Protein backbone atom coordinates (compact mmCIF):
# COMPACT_ATOMS: atom_id res chain seq x y z
CA MET A 1 0.00 0.00 0.00
CA VAL A 2 1.32 3.48 -1.00
CA ASP A 3 2.04 5.80 1.85
CA PRO A 4 -0.57 8.63 1.73
CA ILE A 5 2.08 11.24 2.40
CA ILE A 6 4.16 10.01 -0.58
CA ALA A 7 1.06 9.95 -2.79
CA LEU A 8 0.17 13.48 -1.80
CA SER A 9 3.74 14.60 -2.41
CA ILE A 10 3.73 13.07 -5.92
CA ALA A 11 0.35 14.64 -6.70
CA ALA A 12 1.54 18.03 -5.45
CA ALA A 13 4.70 17.79 -7.53
CA GLY A 14 2.64 16.88 -10.61
CA LEU A 15 0.33 19.84 -10.06
CA ALA A 16 3.34 22.13 -9.66
CA VAL A 17 4.79 20.92 -12.97
CA LEU A 18 1.45 21.44 -14.72
CA TRP A 19 1.19 24.92 -13.23
CA VAL A 20 4.66 25.86 -14.47
CA LEU A 21 3.87 24.52 -17.95
CA PHE A 22 0.29 25.70 -18.45
CA ARG A 23 -0.36 28.65 -16.13
CA PRO A 24 -1.89 31.60 -18.02
CA VAL A 25 0.44 34.15 -19.63
CA LYS A 26 3.69 33.02 -17.96
CA GLY A 27 3.50 29.24 -18.45
CA TYR A 28 6.14 27.67 -20.70
CA VAL A 29 3.53 26.27 -23.11
CA TRP A 30 1.91 29.68 -23.53
CA GLN A 31 5.29 31.35 -23.99
CA TRP A 32 6.28 28.74 -26.58
CA GLN A 33 3.04 29.33 -28.49
CA ARG A 34 3.59 33.10 -28.45
CA ALA A 35 7.18 32.60 -29.65
CA MET A 36 5.92 30.47 -32.56
CA GLN A 37 3.32 33.10 -33.43
CA LEU A 38 5.93 35.84 -33.25
CA THR A 39 8.28 33.82 -35.47
CA GLU A 40 5.52 33.44 -38.07
CA ARG A 41 4.69 37.16 -37.89
CA VAL A 42 8.36 38.12 -38.24
CA LEU A 43 8.70 35.86 -41.28
CA ILE A 44 5.54 37.33 -42.84
CA GLU A 45 6.72 40.89 -42.24
CA ASP A 46 10.23 40.18 -43.53
CA ALA A 47 8.75 38.53 -46.63
CA LEU A 48 6.55 41.57 -47.29
CA LYS A 49 9.57 43.86 -46.97
CA HIS A 50 11.47 41.70 -49.45
CA LEU A 51 8.58 41.77 -51.89
CA TYR A 52 8.29 45.53 -51.60
CA ASP A 53 12.04 46.03 -52.06
CA TYR A 54 11.92 44.04 -55.30
CA GLU A 55 8.81 45.90 -56.47
CA TYR A 56 10.45 49.27 -55.75
CA LYS A 57 13.50 48.24 -57.78
CA LYS A 58 11.23 46.82 -60.51
CA TRP A 59 12.57 43.29 -60.06
CA SER A 60 10.53 40.09 -60.10
CA CYS A 61 10.20 38.36 -56.72
CA THR A 62 10.34 34.55 -56.79
CA LEU A 63 10.33 31.78 -54.23
CA GLN A 64 14.08 31.49 -54.77
CA SER A 65 14.71 35.17 -54.03
CA MET A 66 12.48 34.98 -50.94
CA SER A 67 14.27 31.85 -49.76
CA GLY A 68 17.66 33.54 -50.10
CA ALA A 69 16.62 36.84 -48.51
CA LEU A 70 15.00 35.19 -45.48
CA SER A 71 17.59 32.37 -45.19
CA ILE A 72 14.95 29.65 -45.25
CA GLU A 73 14.64 26.47 -47.30
CA GLY A 74 12.64 26.38 -50.51
CA ASP A 75 9.83 24.25 -49.04
CA ARG A 76 9.37 26.70 -46.17
CA ALA A 77 9.39 29.63 -48.62
CA ALA A 78 6.64 27.95 -50.62
CA LYS A 79 4.52 27.44 -47.48
CA LEU A 80 5.14 31.05 -46.47
CA ALA A 81 4.04 32.28 -49.91
CA GLY A 82 0.88 30.18 -49.57
CA ARG A 83 0.20 31.69 -46.16
CA LEU A 84 0.65 35.20 -47.56
CA GLU A 85 -1.86 34.41 -50.30
CA GLU A 86 -4.35 33.08 -47.73
CA LEU A 87 -4.04 36.37 -45.85
CA GLY A 88 -4.67 38.35 -49.03
CA LEU A 89 -1.27 40.04 -48.88
CA VAL A 90 0.27 38.46 -51.97
CA LYS A 91 -0.89 37.10 -55.32
CA SER A 92 0.88 34.88 -57.85
CA SER A 93 1.49 36.04 -61.40
CA GLY A 94 3.38 34.84 -64.43
CA GLN A 95 6.36 36.93 -63.28
CA GLY A 96 6.39 35.53 -59.73
CA LEU A 97 4.88 36.94 -56.54
CA GLU A 98 3.21 40.35 -56.30
CA LEU A 99 1.91 42.41 -53.41
CA THR A 100 -1.78 43.17 -53.15
CA ASP A 101 -2.82 46.68 -52.10
CA GLU A 102 -3.22 45.44 -48.54
CA GLY A 103 0.16 43.70 -48.64
CA ARG A 104 1.85 46.82 -50.01
CA SER A 105 0.34 48.98 -47.26
CA TYR A 106 1.55 46.50 -44.61
CA ALA A 107 5.02 46.36 -46.17
CA LEU A 108 5.30 50.15 -46.24
CA ARG A 109 4.49 50.32 -42.52
CA MET A 110 7.36 47.92 -41.82
CA VAL A 111 9.76 49.80 -44.10
CA ARG A 112 8.82 53.08 -42.40
CA VAL A 113 9.48 51.76 -38.89
CA HIS A 114 12.80 50.19 -39.95
CA ARG A 115 14.14 53.34 -41.60
CA LEU A 116 12.92 55.65 -38.85
CA TRP A 117 14.70 53.51 -36.28
CA GLU A 118 17.91 53.52 -38.33
CA ARG A 119 17.67 57.32 -38.47
CA TYR A 120 17.20 57.40 -34.70
CA LEU A 121 20.21 55.13 -34.10
CA ALA A 122 22.41 57.22 -36.39
CA ASP A 123 21.43 60.61 -34.98
CA LYS A 124 20.69 59.94 -31.33
CA THR A 125 23.06 57.15 -30.28
CA GLY A 126 26.71 56.24 -30.62
CA LEU A 127 25.98 52.86 -32.21
CA PRO A 128 28.45 52.00 -35.03
CA ALA A 129 27.05 52.28 -38.56
CA GLN A 130 27.51 48.55 -39.16
CA GLU A 131 24.97 47.80 -36.42
CA TRP A 132 22.15 50.16 -37.45
CA HIS A 133 20.50 47.69 -39.81
CA SER A 134 20.52 44.66 -37.51
CA GLU A 135 19.20 46.66 -34.55
CA ALA A 136 16.44 48.17 -36.67
CA GLU A 137 15.54 44.68 -37.88
CA LYS A 138 14.76 43.74 -34.28
CA GLN A 139 12.87 46.91 -33.41
CA GLU A 140 10.69 47.06 -36.52
CA HIS A 141 8.60 44.11 -35.31
CA ARG A 142 7.97 45.72 -31.89
CA LEU A 143 6.98 49.31 -32.64
CA SER A 144 3.31 50.07 -33.21
CA GLN A 145 2.16 52.52 -35.86
CA GLY A 146 1.42 55.09 -33.15
CA GLU A 147 4.89 54.72 -31.67
CA ALA A 148 6.44 55.09 -35.14
CA ASN A 149 4.47 58.31 -35.71
CA ALA A 150 5.62 59.66 -32.34
CA LEU A 151 9.24 58.81 -33.20
CA ALA A 152 8.95 60.56 -36.56
CA GLU A 153 7.53 63.69 -34.90
CA GLN A 154 10.28 63.67 -32.27
CA MET A 155 12.94 63.67 -35.02
CA GLY A 156 11.22 66.30 -37.17
CA HIS A 157 9.80 63.87 -39.76
CA PRO A 158 13.08 62.98 -41.52
CA ARG A 159 12.80 62.23 -45.24
CA PHE A 160 15.71 59.78 -45.54
CA ASP A 161 17.40 57.15 -43.39
CA PRO A 162 21.19 57.35 -42.82
CA HIS A 163 21.85 55.15 -45.87
CA GLY A 164 19.92 57.50 -48.15
CA ASP A 165 16.76 55.37 -48.45
CA PRO A 166 13.55 57.45 -48.43
CA ILE A 167 11.33 57.04 -45.37
CA PRO A 168 7.67 56.46 -46.26
CA THR A 169 5.25 59.02 -44.87
CA ALA A 170 2.49 57.96 -42.48
CA SER A 171 0.17 57.74 -45.51
CA GLY A 172 2.63 55.51 -47.40
CA GLU A 173 3.99 58.05 -49.89
CA LEU A 174 7.46 57.34 -51.22
CA PRO A 175 9.47 59.00 -54.04
CA SER A 176 10.71 56.99 -57.01
CA PRO A 177 14.31 55.72 -56.99
CA ARG A 178 16.90 58.15 -58.32
CA GLY A 179 20.53 58.09 -59.35
CA ILE A 180 22.89 55.66 -61.05
CA SER A 181 25.43 53.16 -59.82
CA LEU A 182 28.85 54.63 -59.05
CA THR A 183 30.27 52.10 -61.53
CA ASP A 184 28.34 53.89 -64.32
CA LEU A 185 29.68 57.38 -63.54
CA PRO A 186 31.77 58.57 -66.52
CA ARG A 187 35.41 59.39 -66.00
CA GLY A 188 36.04 62.96 -64.86
CA GLU A 189 32.44 63.62 -63.78
CA VAL A 190 31.39 64.74 -60.31
CA ALA A 191 28.42 63.26 -58.48
CA GLU A 192 26.79 63.26 -55.06
CA ILE A 193 26.29 60.01 -53.14
CA VAL A 194 22.58 59.58 -52.44
CA HIS A 195 22.47 55.98 -51.22
CA LEU A 196 24.68 53.25 -49.73
CA GLU A 197 23.26 49.73 -49.80
CA ASP A 198 23.56 48.25 -46.30
CA GLU A 199 23.40 44.61 -47.39
CA PRO A 200 25.43 42.47 -47.54
CA ALA A 201 26.99 43.62 -44.28
CA ALA A 202 30.56 42.79 -45.37
CA ILE A 203 30.37 45.18 -48.32
CA PHE A 204 28.70 47.92 -46.28
CA ALA A 205 31.53 47.62 -43.73
CA GLN A 206 34.02 48.37 -46.52
CA LEU A 207 32.08 51.49 -47.52
CA VAL A 208 32.00 52.66 -43.89
CA ALA A 209 35.74 52.02 -43.56
CA GLN A 210 36.31 54.36 -46.54
CA ARG A 211 34.11 56.97 -44.75
CA LEU A 212 31.70 57.20 -47.67
CA HIS A 213 28.28 58.59 -46.78
CA PRO A 214 25.17 60.11 -48.41
CA GLY A 215 25.72 63.78 -49.24
CA MET A 216 29.41 63.29 -50.04
CA GLN A 217 30.55 64.47 -53.48
CA VAL A 218 32.96 62.35 -55.48
CA ARG A 219 34.83 62.62 -58.78
CA MET A 220 35.44 59.57 -60.96
CA LEU A 221 39.15 59.27 -61.74
CA ASP A 222 39.27 55.86 -63.36
CA SER A 223 36.98 52.88 -63.90
CA SER A 224 37.96 49.39 -65.01
CA PRO A 225 36.75 45.82 -64.45
CA GLU A 226 39.45 45.48 -61.79
CA ARG A 227 38.94 48.64 -59.73
CA ILE A 228 37.13 51.95 -59.35
CA ARG A 229 39.24 55.00 -58.41
CA ILE A 230 37.54 58.13 -57.10
CA VAL A 231 38.47 61.23 -55.14
CA ALA A 232 36.31 62.36 -52.22
CA GLU A 233 37.07 65.13 -49.74
CA GLY A 234 40.65 65.32 -50.92
CA ASP A 235 41.40 61.58 -50.66
CA GLU A 236 41.83 59.02 -53.41
CA ILE A 237 39.70 55.96 -52.74
CA PHE A 238 39.98 52.57 -54.45
CA LEU A 239 36.98 50.24 -54.58
CA ALA A 240 36.35 46.87 -56.12
CA PRO A 241 33.53 47.12 -58.72
CA VAL A 242 31.34 44.78 -56.66
CA VAL A 243 31.66 47.22 -53.73
CA ALA A 244 31.21 50.35 -55.86
CA ALA A 245 28.00 48.85 -57.28
CA ASN A 246 26.45 49.32 -53.82
CA VAL A 247 26.88 53.09 -54.08
CA THR A 248 24.21 55.17 -55.85
CA VAL A 249 25.10 58.67 -57.06
CA VAL A 250 23.43 61.60 -58.83
CA PRO A 251 25.69 63.36 -61.37
CA LEU A 252 26.21 67.09 -60.75
CA ALA A 253 26.22 69.41 -63.75
CA GLN A 254 26.51 72.86 -62.14
CA PRO A 255 30.00 74.41 -62.52
CA GLY A 256 29.83 75.74 -58.96
CA GLU A 257 29.29 72.27 -57.59
CA VAL A 258 32.19 70.94 -59.63
CA ALA A 259 34.47 73.77 -58.51
CA GLU A 260 33.57 73.04 -54.89
CA LYS A 261 35.06 69.58 -55.24
CA GLU A 262 38.40 70.99 -56.34
CA ARG A 263 39.03 72.82 -53.07
CA VAL A 264 41.77 71.38 -50.87
CA TYR A 265 40.66 69.36 -47.86
CA ARG A 266 42.96 69.20 -44.87
CA THR A 267 42.16 67.26 -41.76
CA LEU A 268 43.09 67.92 -38.16
CA SER A 269 45.16 64.73 -38.12
CA GLU A 270 47.60 66.35 -40.60
CA LEU A 271 48.79 68.92 -38.06
CA SER A 272 52.20 68.27 -36.55
CA PRO A 273 52.89 69.24 -32.92
CA GLY A 274 53.20 73.02 -32.72
CA GLU A 275 50.99 73.68 -35.78
CA GLU A 276 47.56 75.32 -35.75
CA GLY A 277 44.46 75.07 -37.87
CA LYS A 278 41.02 76.67 -38.00
CA VAL A 279 38.06 74.30 -38.21
CA THR A 280 36.13 74.72 -41.47
CA ALA A 281 33.68 71.81 -41.20
CA LEU A 282 32.90 68.48 -39.60
CA SER A 283 32.47 65.51 -41.91
CA ARG A 284 28.89 64.28 -42.29
CA ALA A 285 30.27 60.86 -41.43
CA LEU A 286 30.39 62.13 -37.84
CA ARG A 287 27.00 61.32 -36.35
CA GLY A 288 25.04 61.04 -33.16
CA LEU A 289 26.78 61.14 -29.81
CA GLN A 290 30.27 61.37 -31.31
CA ARG A 291 29.37 64.50 -33.28
CA ARG A 292 27.66 66.11 -30.30
CA ARG A 293 30.62 65.31 -28.04
CA LEU A 294 33.07 67.06 -30.38
CA MET A 295 30.79 70.07 -30.73
CA ASP A 296 30.38 70.24 -26.94
CA LEU A 297 34.19 70.36 -26.72
CA GLY A 298 34.09 73.49 -28.89
CA ILE A 299 35.09 71.84 -32.17
CA VAL A 300 32.90 73.89 -34.52
CA PRO A 301 33.66 75.94 -37.65
CA GLY A 302 35.88 78.89 -36.74
CA THR A 303 37.58 77.27 -33.73
CA VAL A 304 41.39 77.44 -33.79
CA ILE A 305 43.05 74.20 -32.68
CA ARG A 306 46.73 73.64 -31.92
CA ALA A 307 48.41 70.23 -32.01
CA GLU A 308 50.38 69.87 -28.76
CA MET A 309 51.91 66.39 -28.74
CA ARG A 310 51.45 62.85 -29.97
CA SER A 311 51.48 59.79 -27.76
CA ALA A 312 54.46 57.45 -27.96
CA ALA A 313 52.43 55.12 -30.21
CA GLY A 314 51.41 58.02 -32.46
CA ASP A 315 47.73 57.87 -31.53
CA PRO A 316 45.98 59.66 -29.85
CA THR A 317 47.21 63.25 -30.24
CA ALA A 318 46.74 66.01 -27.65
CA TYR A 319 45.22 69.26 -28.98
CA LYS A 320 44.74 72.66 -27.37
CA ILE A 321 41.07 73.56 -27.91
CA ARG A 322 39.64 76.75 -26.38
CA GLY A 323 42.22 76.69 -23.57
CA ALA A 324 41.77 73.00 -22.73
CA THR A 325 44.02 70.11 -23.72
CA ILE A 326 42.01 67.27 -25.25
CA ALA A 327 43.18 63.95 -26.68
CA LEU A 328 41.61 62.82 -29.95
CA ARG A 329 42.17 59.62 -31.87
CA LYS A 330 43.11 59.75 -35.54
CA SER A 331 39.76 58.17 -36.46
CA GLN A 332 38.14 61.33 -35.00
CA SER A 333 40.60 63.97 -36.20
CA ASP A 334 40.39 62.54 -39.74
CA LEU A 335 36.77 63.76 -39.81
CA ILE A 336 37.53 67.35 -38.76
CA TYR A 337 38.40 69.64 -41.69
CA ILE A 338 40.69 72.62 -41.13
CA GLU A 339 42.46 75.52 -42.72
CA LYS A 340 46.13 75.43 -41.76
CA ARG A 341 47.44 78.58 -40.03
CA ASP A 342 50.84 79.96 -39.17
CA ALA A 343 51.45 79.40 -35.46
């Protein structure tokens, strides 16, 4: 005969396990179900963004392109496409998959949240440029439409994200694509960068390392199947064609704009100890907290800065700025443009 105390203990333990698994809201089973639902919603929203991206670029979206973009197997992509059709968000055509009006509206909401959050990360935080996209990918599935509108209002309703992509308005309005690939810019012509593609991440990292950014003006020096050679802000830059293809530019025809590109750029890092320079501008590649920190230190156009001494390793360098001695790394002083002065 089973001891009643043991039986009660076993029953109590069983009830405790059931409570942990099935209790409302916080039970493991409920959490697992919510996670599965969230995973499906994330896949649906990512698929809609992919479809819209292809539509915007006037490309045909297929199961293969969806599979590659979402890193899922072909069978799962086919099931996902079927689910999107059931929901009335997508329809099949002879060219592949197309968004319905409802699907396009949904996709634009996701694109808007993603690009607004990238703009926020670039302007309001010190997060490195290589991490903007991945962080926005996480946040876009969490922000409601109301929260996105509040964020847009807080930032003054920006028109473009930090990569140069247009941000849809609350009503879903979006301008048509503009510009040409940097690889198509004729030799000798000047153009303004209007967009940097942020995927794949490895190529975007190379563009960031070269300090290229939307708004920068460049001149094509030489173009061949092996390399692209441009000048930007006084520096010669070499890019592989596959990297340069991720840069979109708008050619500039005004003589004044062309003449502007011929002016000499000097950076604070070029000063030797004992030399002085007057700040003329801060590179637009300086963003967010880093830009605000330098401006708070008094590094603004018109400020005279004197190089005092370099560290034994050559970096950082100590500068005299408005009576204070401040150490700056070369990665920072490279982005501060100056006019050299006699000490």
